[in-house]
């Protein structure tokens, strides 16, 4: 009985260690994204592509078209209505978007 408990404990500790390593790698990859903050209600497609990591020409064009057709974005999450945007991508790049105001030295707005 003691060996079964020991093996179970070792297995759990090993799984937790492996999970923490993979979680740490995933966080490290996301921290590597570098860019500048852009105002999604004013940025051109070119500004979006130049300053937002992972931004494709197609997605940048779709953001500008959506804004032209529907008016200014009222929330960053409204970008999910844009063709080509998905939750995972938005989660990764939403730190680069503001709706209005001043974003500091690293802002293109």
PDB file of N, CA and C in Angstrom:
ATOM      1  N   UNK A   1       0.830  -1.199   0.000  1.00  0.00           N
ATOM      2  CA  UNK A   1       0.000   0.000   0.000  1.00  0.00           C
ATOM      3  C   UNK A   1       0.870   1.257   0.000  1.00  0.00           C
ATOM      4  N   UNK A   2       1.972   1.203   0.740  1.00  0.00           N
ATOM      5  CA  UNK A   2       2.854   2.352   0.829  1.00  0.00           C
ATOM      6  C   UNK A   2       3.513   2.666  -0.517  1.00  0.00           C
ATOM      7  N   UNK A   3       3.871   1.611  -1.285  1.00  0.00           N
ATOM      8  CA  UNK A   3       4.483   1.818  -2.594  1.00  0.00           C
ATOM      9  C   UNK A   3       3.495   2.438  -3.569  1.00  0.00           C
ATOM     10  N   UNK A   4       2.223   2.041  -3.501  1.00  0.00           N
ATOM     11  CA  UNK A   4       1.204   2.589  -4.391  1.00  0.00           C
ATOM     12  C   UNK A   4       1.025   4.079  -4.116  1.00  0.00           C
ATOM     13  N   UNK A   5       0.982   4.455  -2.851  1.00  0.00           N
ATOM     14  CA  UNK A   5       0.833   5.864  -2.484  1.00  0.00           C
ATOM     15  C   UNK A   5       2.058   6.646  -2.947  1.00  0.00           C
ATOM     16  N   UNK A   6       3.240   6.103  -2.769  1.00  0.00           N
ATOM     17  CA  UNK A   6       4.472   6.771  -3.185  1.00  0.00           C
ATOM     18  C   UNK A   6       4.510   6.967  -4.695  1.00  0.00           C
ATOM     19  N   UNK A   7       4.129   5.938  -5.447  1.00  0.00           N
ATOM     20  CA  UNK A   7       4.106   6.056  -6.906  1.00  0.00           C
ATOM     21  C   UNK A   7       3.086   7.097  -7.361  1.00  0.00           C
ATOM     22  N   UNK A   8       1.947   7.117  -6.712  1.00  0.00           N
ATOM     23  CA  UNK A   8       0.917   8.103  -7.054  1.00  0.00           C
ATOM     24  C   UNK A   8       1.397   9.515  -6.789  1.00  0.00           C
ATOM     25  N   UNK A   9       2.067   9.706  -5.650  1.00  0.00           N
ATOM     26  CA  UNK A   9       2.596  11.020  -5.302  1.00  0.00           C
ATOM     27  C   UNK A   9       3.667  11.460  -6.288  1.00  0.00           C
ATOM     28  N   UNK A  10       4.570  10.561  -6.623  1.00  0.00           N
ATOM     29  CA  UNK A  10       5.629  10.866  -7.583  1.00  0.00           C
ATOM     30  C   UNK A  10       5.026  11.211  -8.941  1.00  0.00           C
ATOM     31  N   UNK A  11       4.013  10.485  -9.351  1.00  0.00           N
ATOM     32  CA  UNK A  11       3.358  10.756 -10.639  1.00  0.00           C
ATOM     33  C   UNK A  11       2.729  12.144 -10.655  1.00  0.00           C
ATOM     34  N   UNK A  12       2.066  12.500  -9.575  1.00  0.00           N
ATOM     35  CA  UNK A  12       1.418  13.807  -9.492  1.00  0.00           C
ATOM     36  C   UNK A  12       2.468  14.918  -9.516  1.00  0.00           C
ATOM     37  N   UNK A  13       3.540  14.743  -8.759  1.00  0.00           N
ATOM     38  CA  UNK A  13       4.600  15.750  -8.731  1.00  0.00           C
ATOM     39  C   UNK A  13       5.231  15.890 -10.113  1.00  0.00           C
ATOM     40  N   UNK A  14       5.463  14.779 -10.772  1.00  0.00           N
ATOM     41  CA  UNK A  14       6.051  14.806 -12.114  1.00  0.00           C
ATOM     42  C   UNK A  14       5.133  15.531 -13.090  1.00  0.00           C
ATOM     43  N   UNK A  15       3.848  15.228 -13.054  1.00  0.00           N
ATOM     44  CA  UNK A  15       2.892  15.899 -13.945  1.00  0.00           C
ATOM     45  C   UNK A  15       2.845  17.397 -13.677  1.00  0.00           C
ATOM     46  N   UNK A  16       2.861  17.791 -12.412  1.00  0.00           N
ATOM     47  CA  UNK A  16       2.847  19.212 -12.081  1.00  0.00           C
ATOM     48  C   UNK A  16       4.101  19.907 -12.596  1.00  0.00           C
ATOM     49  N   UNK A  17       5.239  19.237 -12.485  1.00  0.00           N
ATOM     50  CA  UNK A  17       6.486  19.804 -12.979  1.00  0.00           C
ATOM     51  C   UNK A  17       6.426  19.993 -14.497  1.00  0.00           C
ATOM     52  N   UNK A  18       5.991  18.973 -15.203  1.00  0.00           N
ATOM     53  CA  UNK A  18       5.910  19.042 -16.664  1.00  0.00           C
ATOM     54  C   UNK A  18       4.939  20.147 -17.086  1.00  0.00           C
ATOM     55  N   UNK A  19       3.801  20.218 -16.425  1.00  0.00           N
ATOM     56  CA  UNK A  19       2.821  21.261 -16.742  1.00  0.00           C
ATOM     57  C   UNK A  19       3.418  22.647 -16.517  1.00  0.00           C
ATOM     58  N   UNK A  20       4.131  22.841 -15.409  1.00  0.00           N
ATOM     59  CA  UNK A  20       4.701  24.156 -15.118  1.00  0.00           C
ATOM     60  C   UNK A  20       5.757  24.548 -16.148  1.00  0.00           C
ATOM     61  N   UNK A  21       6.514  23.578 -16.643  1.00  0.00           N
ATOM     62  CA  UNK A  21       7.517  23.872 -17.668  1.00  0.00           C
ATOM     63  C   UNK A  21       6.837  24.347 -18.949  1.00  0.00           C
ATOM     64  N   UNK A  22       5.800  23.627 -19.396  1.00  0.00           N
ATOM     65  CA  UNK A  22       5.099  24.020 -20.618  1.00  0.00           C
ATOM     66  C   UNK A  22       4.374  25.348 -20.446  1.00  0.00           C
ATOM     67  N   UNK A  23       3.774  25.567 -19.283  1.00  0.00           N
ATOM     68  CA  UNK A  23       3.087  26.833 -19.031  1.00  0.00           C
ATOM     69  C   UNK A  23       4.088  27.983 -19.045  1.00  0.00           C
ATOM     70  N   UNK A  24       5.248  27.772 -18.470  1.00  0.00           N
ATOM     71  CA  UNK A  24       6.288  28.799 -18.471  1.00  0.00           C
ATOM     72  C   UNK A  24       6.764  29.113 -19.873  1.00  0.00           C
ATOM     73  N   UNK A  25       6.901  28.098 -20.707  1.00  0.00           N
ATOM     74  CA  UNK A  25       7.323  28.325 -22.090  1.00  0.00           C
ATOM     75  C   UNK A  25       6.266  29.108 -22.857  1.00  0.00           C
ATOM     76  N   UNK A  26       5.003  28.779 -22.633  1.00  0.00           N
ATOM     77  CA  UNK A  26       3.923  29.489 -23.326  1.00  0.00           C
ATOM     78  C   UNK A  26       3.910  30.958 -22.918  1.00  0.00           C
ATOM     79  N   UNK A  27       4.083  31.242 -21.635  1.00  0.00           N
ATOM     80  CA  UNK A  27       4.108  32.628 -21.182  1.00  0.00           C
ATOM     81  C   UNK A  27       5.319  33.366 -21.739  1.00  0.00           C
ATOM     82  N   UNK A  28       6.443  32.695 -21.793  1.00  0.00           N
ATOM     83  CA  UNK A  28       7.649  33.318 -22.323  1.00  0.00           C
ATOM     84  C   UNK A  28       7.468  33.679 -23.791  1.00  0.00           C
ATOM     85  N   UNK A  29       6.794  32.826 -24.565  1.00  0.00           N
ATOM     86  CA  UNK A  29       6.569  33.117 -25.977  1.00  0.00           C
ATOM     87  C   UNK A  29       5.684  34.342 -26.144  1.00  0.00           C
ATOM     88  N   UNK A  30       4.646  34.472 -25.306  1.00  0.00           N
ATOM     89  CA  UNK A  30       3.754  35.614 -25.427  1.00  0.00           C
ATOM     90  C   UNK A  30       4.446  36.897 -25.014  1.00  0.00           C
ATOM     91  N   UNK A  31       5.356  36.843 -24.067  1.00  0.00           N
ATOM     92  CA  UNK A  31       6.064  38.031 -23.625  1.00  0.00           C
ATOM     93  C   UNK A  31       6.997  38.549 -24.706  1.00  0.00           C
ATOM     94  N   UNK A  32       7.355  37.733 -25.662  1.00  0.00           N
ATOM     95  CA  UNK A  32       8.280  38.129 -26.717  1.00  0.00           C
ATOM     96  C   UNK A  32       7.633  39.036 -27.750  1.00  0.00           C
ATOM     97  N   UNK A  33       6.313  39.107 -27.773  1.00  0.00           N
ATOM     98  CA  UNK A  33       5.639  39.963 -28.751  1.00  0.00           C
ATOM     99  C   UNK A  33       5.970  41.417 -28.456  1.00  0.00           C
ATOM    100  N   UNK A  34       6.492  42.099 -29.445  1.00  0.00           N
ATOM    101  CA  UNK A  34       6.838  43.502 -29.284  1.00  0.00           C
ATOM    102  C   UNK A  34       6.194  44.308 -30.394  1.00  0.00           C
ATOM    103  N   UNK A  35       5.751  45.473 -30.042  1.00  0.00           N
ATOM    104  CA  UNK A  35       5.140  46.360 -31.009  1.00  0.00           C
ATOM    105  C   UNK A  35       4.851  47.687 -30.365  1.00  0.00           C
ATOM    106  N   UNK A  36       3.984  48.444 -30.993  1.00  0.00           N
ATOM    107  CA  UNK A  36       3.579  49.736 -30.462  1.00  0.00           C
ATOM    108  C   UNK A  36       2.062  49.753 -30.326  1.00  0.00           C
ATOM    109  N   UNK A  37       1.593  50.566 -29.419  1.00  0.00           N
ATOM    110  CA  UNK A  37       0.162  50.726 -29.207  1.00  0.00           C
ATOM    111  C   UNK A  37      -0.437  51.537 -30.350  1.00  0.00           C
ATOM    112  N   UNK A  38      -1.573  51.094 -30.842  1.00  0.00           N
ATOM    113  CA  UNK A  38      -2.265  51.822 -31.905  1.00  0.00           C
ATOM    114  C   UNK A  38      -3.715  52.078 -31.502  1.00  0.00           C
ATOM    115  N   UNK A  39      -4.213  53.193 -31.952  1.00  0.00           N
ATOM    116  CA  UNK A  39      -5.620  53.524 -31.743  1.00  0.00           C
ATOM    117  C   UNK A  39      -6.403  52.848 -32.868  1.00  0.00           C
ATOM    118  N   UNK A  40      -7.206  51.854 -32.525  1.00  0.00           N
ATOM    119  CA  UNK A  40      -7.909  51.100 -33.570  1.00  0.00           C
ATOM    120  C   UNK A  40      -8.993  51.915 -34.261  1.00  0.00           C
ATOM    121  N   UNK A  41      -9.315  53.084 -33.712  1.00  0.00           N
ATOM    122  CA  UNK A  41     -10.300  53.945 -34.366  1.00  0.00           C
ATOM    123  C   UNK A  41      -9.665  54.970 -35.294  1.00  0.00           C
ATOM    124  N   UNK A  42      -8.344  54.990 -35.352  1.00  0.00           N
ATOM    125  CA  UNK A  42      -7.662  55.954 -36.213  1.00  0.00           C
ATOM    126  C   UNK A  42      -6.579  55.321 -37.100  1.00  0.00           C
ATOM    127  N   UNK A  43      -6.036  54.191 -36.700  1.00  0.00           N
ATOM    128  CA  UNK A  43      -4.892  53.595 -37.400  1.00  0.00           C
ATOM    129  C   UNK A  43      -5.265  53.141 -38.809  1.00  0.00           C
ATOM    130  N   UNK A  44      -4.347  53.389 -39.725  1.00  0.00           N
ATOM    131  CA  UNK A  44      -4.503  52.882 -41.090  1.00  0.00           C
ATOM    132  C   UNK A  44      -4.086  51.417 -41.108  1.00  0.00           C
ATOM    133  N   UNK A  45      -4.380  50.748 -42.195  1.00  0.00           N
ATOM    134  CA  UNK A  45      -3.962  49.349 -42.341  1.00  0.00           C
ATOM    135  C   UNK A  45      -2.440  49.247 -42.257  1.00  0.00           C
ATOM    136  N   UNK A  46      -1.749  50.206 -42.845  1.00  0.00           N
ATOM    137  CA  UNK A  46      -0.288  50.196 -42.821  1.00  0.00           C
ATOM    138  C   UNK A  46       0.245  50.344 -41.398  1.00  0.00           C
ATOM    139  N   UNK A  47      -0.366  51.242 -40.620  1.00  0.00           N
ATOM    140  CA  UNK A  47       0.055  51.429 -39.227  1.00  0.00           C
ATOM    141  C   UNK A  47      -0.193  50.173 -38.403  1.00  0.00           C
ATOM    142  N   UNK A  48      -1.322  49.517 -38.641  1.00  0.00           N
ATOM    143  CA  UNK A  48      -1.618  48.277 -37.922  1.00  0.00           C
ATOM    144  C   UNK A  48      -0.569  47.214 -38.230  1.00  0.00           C
ATOM    145  N   UNK A  49      -0.249  47.039 -39.498  1.00  0.00           N
ATOM    146  CA  UNK A  49       0.738  46.021 -39.893  1.00  0.00           C
ATOM    147  C   UNK A  49       2.130  46.341 -39.361  1.00  0.00           C
ATOM    148  N   UNK A  50       2.490  47.596 -39.365  1.00  0.00           N
ATOM    149  CA  UNK A  50       3.830  48.007 -38.938  1.00  0.00           C
ATOM    150  C   UNK A  50       4.027  47.860 -37.431  1.00  0.00           C
ATOM    151  N   UNK A  51       2.977  48.089 -36.649  1.00  0.00           N
ATOM    152  CA  UNK A  51       3.135  48.222 -35.206  1.00  0.00           C
ATOM    153  C   UNK A  51       2.574  47.084 -34.365  1.00  0.00           C
ATOM    154  N   UNK A  52       1.662  46.305 -34.906  1.00  0.00           N
ATOM    155  CA  UNK A  52       1.034  45.237 -34.125  1.00  0.00           C
ATOM    156  C   UNK A  52       1.594  43.894 -34.573  1.00  0.00           C
ATOM    157  N   UNK A  53       2.225  43.167 -33.660  1.00  0.00           N
ATOM    158  CA  UNK A  53       2.763  41.856 -34.046  1.00  0.00           C
ATOM    159  C   UNK A  53       1.637  40.911 -34.461  1.00  0.00           C
ATOM    160  N   UNK A  54       1.941  40.004 -35.353  1.00  0.00           N
ATOM    161  CA  UNK A  54       1.015  38.992 -35.864  1.00  0.00           C
ATOM    162  C   UNK A  54      -0.083  39.567 -36.767  1.00  0.00           C
ATOM    163  N   UNK A  55      -0.006  40.861 -37.068  1.00  0.00           N
ATOM    164  CA  UNK A  55      -1.028  41.490 -37.905  1.00  0.00           C
ATOM    165  C   UNK A  55      -0.704  41.234 -39.374  1.00  0.00           C
ATOM    166  N   UNK A  56      -1.661  40.648 -40.075  1.00  0.00           N
ATOM    167  CA  UNK A  56      -1.499  40.416 -41.511  1.00  0.00           C
ATOM    168  C   UNK A  56      -2.124  41.569 -42.288  1.00  0.00           C
ATOM    169  N   UNK A  57      -1.763  41.685 -43.558  1.00  0.00           N
ATOM    170  CA  UNK A  57      -2.355  42.719 -44.413  1.00  0.00           C
ATOM    171  C   UNK A  57      -3.860  42.510 -44.522  1.00  0.00           C
ATOM    172  N   UNK A  58      -4.262  41.270 -44.687  1.00  0.00           N
ATOM    173  CA  UNK A  58      -5.688  40.973 -44.820  1.00  0.00           C
ATOM    174  C   UNK A  58      -6.464  41.387 -43.575  1.00  0.00           C
ATOM    175  N   UNK A  59      -5.949  41.060 -42.397  1.00  0.00           N
ATOM    176  CA  UNK A  59      -6.644  41.415 -41.162  1.00  0.00           C
ATOM    177  C   UNK A  59      -6.652  42.927 -40.967  1.00  0.00           C
ATOM    178  N   UNK A  60      -5.539  43.582 -41.248  1.00  0.00           N
ATOM    179  CA  UNK A  60      -5.486  45.038 -41.118  1.00  0.00           C
ATOM    180  C   UNK A  60      -6.506  45.700 -42.052  1.00  0.00           C
ATOM    181  N   UNK A  61      -6.579  45.228 -43.277  1.00  0.00           N
ATOM    182  CA  UNK A  61      -7.569  45.759 -44.232  1.00  0.00           C
ATOM    183  C   UNK A  61      -8.991  45.511 -43.720  1.00  0.00           C
ATOM    184  N   UNK A  62      -9.228  44.333 -43.162  1.00  0.00           N
ATOM    185  CA  UNK A  62     -10.562  44.003 -42.634  1.00  0.00           C
ATOM    186  C   UNK A  62     -10.938  44.894 -41.453  1.00  0.00           C
ATOM    187  N   UNK A  63      -9.969  45.227 -40.606  1.00  0.00           N
ATOM    188  CA  UNK A  63     -10.238  46.111 -39.461  1.00  0.00           C
ATOM    189  C   UNK A  63     -10.638  47.497 -39.958  1.00  0.00           C
ATOM    190  N   UNK A  64      -9.890  48.016 -40.905  1.00  0.00           N
ATOM    191  CA  UNK A  64     -10.197  49.346 -41.445  1.00  0.00           C
ATOM    192  C   UNK A  64     -11.548  49.336 -42.157  1.00  0.00           C
ATOM    193  N   UNK A  65     -11.836  48.305 -42.928  1.00  0.00           N
ATOM    194  CA  UNK A  65     -13.121  48.198 -43.625  1.00  0.00           C
ATOM    195  C   UNK A  65     -14.279  48.104 -42.630  1.00  0.00           C
ATOM    196  N   UNK A  66     -14.113  47.281 -41.596  1.00  0.00           N
ATOM    197  CA  UNK A  66     -15.169  47.143 -40.580  1.00  0.00           C
ATOM    198  C   UNK A  66     -15.443  48.497 -39.928  1.00  0.00           C
ATOM    199  N   UNK A  67     -14.379  49.215 -39.592  1.00  0.00           N
ATOM    200  CA  UNK A  67     -14.526  50.520 -38.946  1.00  0.00           C
ATOM    201  C   UNK A  67     -15.234  51.505 -39.873  1.00  0.00           C
ATOM    202  N   UNK A  68     -14.883  51.462 -41.156  1.00  0.00           N
ATOM    203  CA  UNK A  68     -15.516  52.357 -42.136  1.00  0.00           C
ATOM    204  C   UNK A  68     -17.006  52.032 -42.283  1.00  0.00           C
ATOM    205  N   UNK A  69     -17.334  50.744 -42.323  1.00  0.00           N
ATOM    206  CA  UNK A  69     -18.721  50.315 -42.525  1.00  0.00           C
ATOM    207  C   UNK A  69     -19.593  50.451 -41.281  1.00  0.00           C
ATOM    208  N   UNK A  70     -18.990  50.329 -40.086  1.00  0.00           N
ATOM    209  CA  UNK A  70     -19.772  50.254 -38.849  1.00  0.00           C
ATOM    210  C   UNK A  70     -19.507  51.377 -37.848  1.00  0.00           C
ATOM    211  N   UNK A  71     -18.589  52.249 -38.157  1.00  0.00           N
ATOM    212  CA  UNK A  71     -18.247  53.316 -37.217  1.00  0.00           C
ATOM    213  C   UNK A  71     -17.153  52.861 -36.258  1.00  0.00           C
ATOM    214  N   UNK A  72     -16.774  53.768 -35.368  1.00  0.00           N
ATOM    215  CA  UNK A  72     -15.691  53.494 -34.432  1.00  0.00           C
ATOM    216  C   UNK A  72     -15.991  52.285 -33.549  1.00  0.00           C
ATOM    217  N   UNK A  73     -14.933  51.596 -33.182  1.00  0.00           N
ATOM    218  CA  UNK A  73     -15.042  50.501 -32.232  1.00  0.00           C
ATOM    219  C   UNK A  73     -15.364  51.090 -30.855  1.00  0.00           C
ATOM    220  N   UNK A  74     -16.244  50.448 -30.122  1.00  0.00           N
ATOM    221  CA  UNK A  74     -16.565  50.915 -28.772  1.00  0.00           C
ATOM    222  C   UNK A  74     -15.856  50.077 -27.706  1.00  0.00           C
ATOM    223  N   UNK A  75     -15.441  48.870 -28.084  1.00  0.00           N
ATOM    224  CA  UNK A  75     -14.647  48.017 -27.196  1.00  0.00           C
ATOM    225  C   UNK A  75     -13.604  47.299 -28.047  1.00  0.00           C
ATOM    226  N   UNK A  76     -12.515  46.896 -27.426  1.00  0.00           N
ATOM    227  CA  UNK A  76     -11.494  46.124 -28.139  1.00  0.00           C
ATOM    228  C   UNK A  76     -12.071  44.777 -28.561  1.00  0.00           C
ATOM    229  N   UNK A  77     -12.950  44.215 -27.734  1.00  0.00           N
ATOM    230  CA  UNK A  77     -13.545  42.919 -28.032  1.00  0.00           C
ATOM    231  C   UNK A  77     -14.412  42.941 -29.281  1.00  0.00           C
ATOM    232  N   UNK A  78     -14.846  44.120 -29.703  1.00  0.00           N
ATOM    233  CA  UNK A  78     -15.623  44.246 -30.933  1.00  0.00           C
ATOM    234  C   UNK A  78     -14.807  43.798 -32.148  1.00  0.00           C
ATOM    235  N   UNK A  79     -13.493  43.771 -32.003  1.00  0.00           N
ATOM    236  CA  UNK A  79     -12.634  43.268 -33.083  1.00  0.00           C
ATOM    237  C   UNK A  79     -12.967  41.821 -33.441  1.00  0.00           C
ATOM    238  N   UNK A  80     -13.604  41.098 -32.533  1.00  0.00           N
ATOM    239  CA  UNK A  80     -13.995  39.717 -32.832  1.00  0.00           C
ATOM    240  C   UNK A  80     -15.025  39.644 -33.960  1.00  0.00           C
ATOM    241  N   UNK A  81     -15.658  40.760 -34.277  1.00  0.00           N
ATOM    242  CA  UNK A  81     -16.624  40.809 -35.387  1.00  0.00           C
ATOM    243  C   UNK A  81     -15.926  40.944 -36.736  1.00  0.00           C
ATOM    244  N   UNK A  82     -14.645  41.248 -36.710  1.00  0.00           N
ATOM    245  CA  UNK A  82     -13.877  41.462 -37.939  1.00  0.00           C
ATOM    246  C   UNK A  82     -13.468  40.113 -38.526  1.00  0.00           C
ATOM    247  N   UNK A  83     -13.735  39.889 -39.810  1.00  0.00           N
ATOM    248  CA  UNK A  83     -13.294  38.640 -40.436  1.00  0.00           C
ATOM    249  C   UNK A  83     -11.781  38.451 -40.303  1.00  0.00           C
ATOM    250  N   UNK A  84     -11.399  37.269 -39.861  1.00  0.00           N
ATOM    251  CA  UNK A  84      -9.983  36.961 -39.682  1.00  0.00           C
ATOM    252  C   UNK A  84      -9.496  37.072 -38.248  1.00  0.00           C
ATOM    253  N   UNK A  85     -10.275  37.725 -37.381  1.00  0.00           N
ATOM    254  CA  UNK A  85      -9.896  37.850 -35.971  1.00  0.00           C
ATOM    255  C   UNK A  85     -10.544  36.706 -35.198  1.00  0.00           C
ATOM    256  N   UNK A  86      -9.807  36.135 -34.267  1.00  0.00           N
ATOM    257  CA  UNK A  86     -10.366  35.102 -33.394  1.00  0.00           C
ATOM    258  C   UNK A  86      -9.938  35.380 -31.960  1.00  0.00           C
ATOM    259  N   UNK A  87     -10.547  34.676 -31.026  1.00  0.00           N
ATOM    260  CA  UNK A  87     -10.299  34.934 -29.606  1.00  0.00           C
ATOM    261  C   UNK A  87      -8.836  34.757 -29.219  1.00  0.00           C
ATOM    262  N   UNK A  88      -8.202  33.723 -29.727  1.00  0.00           N
ATOM    263  CA  UNK A  88      -6.815  33.469 -29.356  1.00  0.00           C
ATOM    264  C   UNK A  88      -5.910  34.594 -29.843  1.00  0.00           C
ATOM    265  N   UNK A  89      -6.081  34.996 -31.084  1.00  0.00           N
ATOM    266  CA  UNK A  89      -5.266  36.075 -31.622  1.00  0.00           C
ATOM    267  C   UNK A  89      -5.526  37.373 -30.870  1.00  0.00           C
ATOM    268  N   UNK A  90      -6.782  37.699 -30.631  1.00  0.00           N
ATOM    269  CA  UNK A  90      -7.109  38.920 -29.915  1.00  0.00           C
ATOM    270  C   UNK A  90      -6.511  38.903 -28.512  1.00  0.00           C
ATOM    271  N   UNK A  91      -6.575  37.772 -27.848  1.00  0.00           N
ATOM    272  CA  UNK A  91      -6.001  37.644 -26.505  1.00  0.00           C
ATOM    273  C   UNK A  91      -4.506  37.964 -26.533  1.00  0.00           C
ATOM    274  N   UNK A  92      -3.842  37.563 -27.572  1.00  0.00           N
ATOM    275  CA  UNK A  92      -2.399  37.756 -27.668  1.00  0.00           C
ATOM    276  C   UNK A  92      -1.997  39.184 -28.047  1.00  0.00           C
ATOM    277  N   UNK A  93      -2.836  39.876 -28.819  1.00  0.00           N
ATOM    278  CA  UNK A  93      -2.417  41.189 -29.322  1.00  0.00           C
ATOM    279  C   UNK A  93      -3.236  42.364 -28.786  1.00  0.00           C
ATOM    280  N   UNK A  94      -4.224  42.109 -27.956  1.00  0.00           N
ATOM    281  CA  UNK A  94      -5.086  43.215 -27.516  1.00  0.00           C
ATOM    282  C   UNK A  94      -4.347  44.272 -26.698  1.00  0.00           C
ATOM    283  N   UNK A  95      -3.210  43.930 -26.119  1.00  0.00           N
ATOM    284  CA  UNK A  95      -2.435  44.926 -25.369  1.00  0.00           C
ATOM    285  C   UNK A  95      -1.906  46.034 -26.275  1.00  0.00           C
ATOM    286  N   UNK A  96      -1.914  45.815 -27.573  1.00  0.00           N
ATOM    287  CA  UNK A  96      -1.413  46.816 -28.514  1.00  0.00           C
ATOM    288  C   UNK A  96      -2.508  47.753 -29.011  1.00  0.00           C
ATOM    289  N   UNK A  97      -3.749  47.550 -28.557  1.00  0.00           N
ATOM    290  CA  UNK A  97      -4.874  48.359 -29.031  1.00  0.00           C
ATOM    291  C   UNK A  97      -5.409  49.276 -27.946  1.00  0.00           C
ATOM    292  N   UNK A  98      -5.663  50.516 -28.338  1.00  0.00           N
ATOM    293  CA  UNK A  98      -6.435  51.427 -27.489  1.00  0.00           C
ATOM    294  C   UNK A  98      -7.558  51.982 -28.350  1.00  0.00           C
ATOM    295  N   UNK A  99      -8.568  52.538 -27.678  1.00  0.00           N
ATOM    296  CA  UNK A  99      -9.704  53.083 -28.394  1.00  0.00           C
ATOM    297  C   UNK A  99      -9.585  54.578 -28.609  1.00  0.00           C
ATOM    298  N   UNK A 100      -8.966  55.263 -27.667  1.00  0.00           N
ATOM    299  CA  UNK A 100      -8.806  56.706 -27.780  1.00  0.00           C
ATOM    300  C   UNK A 100      -7.770  57.164 -26.761  1.00  0.00           C
ATOM    301  N   UNK A 101      -7.415  58.419 -26.837  1.00  0.00           N
ATOM    302  CA  UNK A 101      -6.492  58.964 -25.860  1.00  0.00           C
ATOM    303  C   UNK A 101      -5.035  58.739 -26.215  1.00  0.00           C
ATOM    304  N   UNK A 102      -4.203  58.941 -25.232  1.00  0.00           N
ATOM    305  CA  UNK A 102      -2.766  58.878 -25.430  1.00  0.00           C
ATOM    306  C   UNK A 102      -2.217  57.582 -24.843  1.00  0.00           C
ATOM    307  N   UNK A 103      -1.421  56.888 -25.618  1.00  0.00           N
ATOM    308  CA  UNK A 103      -0.862  55.627 -25.190  1.00  0.00           C
ATOM    309  C   UNK A 103       0.589  55.702 -24.743  1.00  0.00           C
ATOM    310  N   UNK A 104       1.154  56.884 -24.598  1.00  0.00           N
ATOM    311  CA  UNK A 104       2.530  57.014 -24.155  1.00  0.00           C
ATOM    312  C   UNK A 104       3.517  57.091 -25.307  1.00  0.00           C
ATOM    313  N   UNK A 105       4.805  57.024 -24.981  1.00  0.00           N
ATOM    314  CA  UNK A 105       5.870  57.176 -25.981  1.00  0.00           C
ATOM    315  C   UNK A 105       5.810  56.115 -27.069  1.00  0.00           C
ATOM    316  N   UNK A 106       5.378  54.901 -26.709  1.00  0.00           N
ATOM    317  CA  UNK A 106       5.372  53.795 -27.668  1.00  0.00           C
ATOM    318  C   UNK A 106       4.076  53.749 -28.486  1.00  0.00           C
ATOM    319  N   UNK A 107       3.292  54.797 -28.438  1.00  0.00           N
ATOM    320  CA  UNK A 107       2.007  54.810 -29.146  1.00  0.00           C
ATOM    321  C   UNK A 107       2.137  55.509 -30.484  1.00  0.00           C
ATOM    322  N   UNK A 108       1.476  54.971 -31.470  1.00  0.00           N
ATOM    323  CA  UNK A 108       1.456  55.591 -32.799  1.00  0.00           C
ATOM    324  C   UNK A 108       0.245  56.501 -32.963  1.00  0.00           C
ATOM    325  N   UNK A 109      -0.553  56.665 -31.916  1.00  0.00           N
ATOM    326  CA  UNK A 109      -1.812  57.406 -32.033  1.00  0.00           C
ATOM    327  C   UNK A 109      -1.647  58.911 -32.012  1.00  0.00           C
TER     328      UNK A 109
END
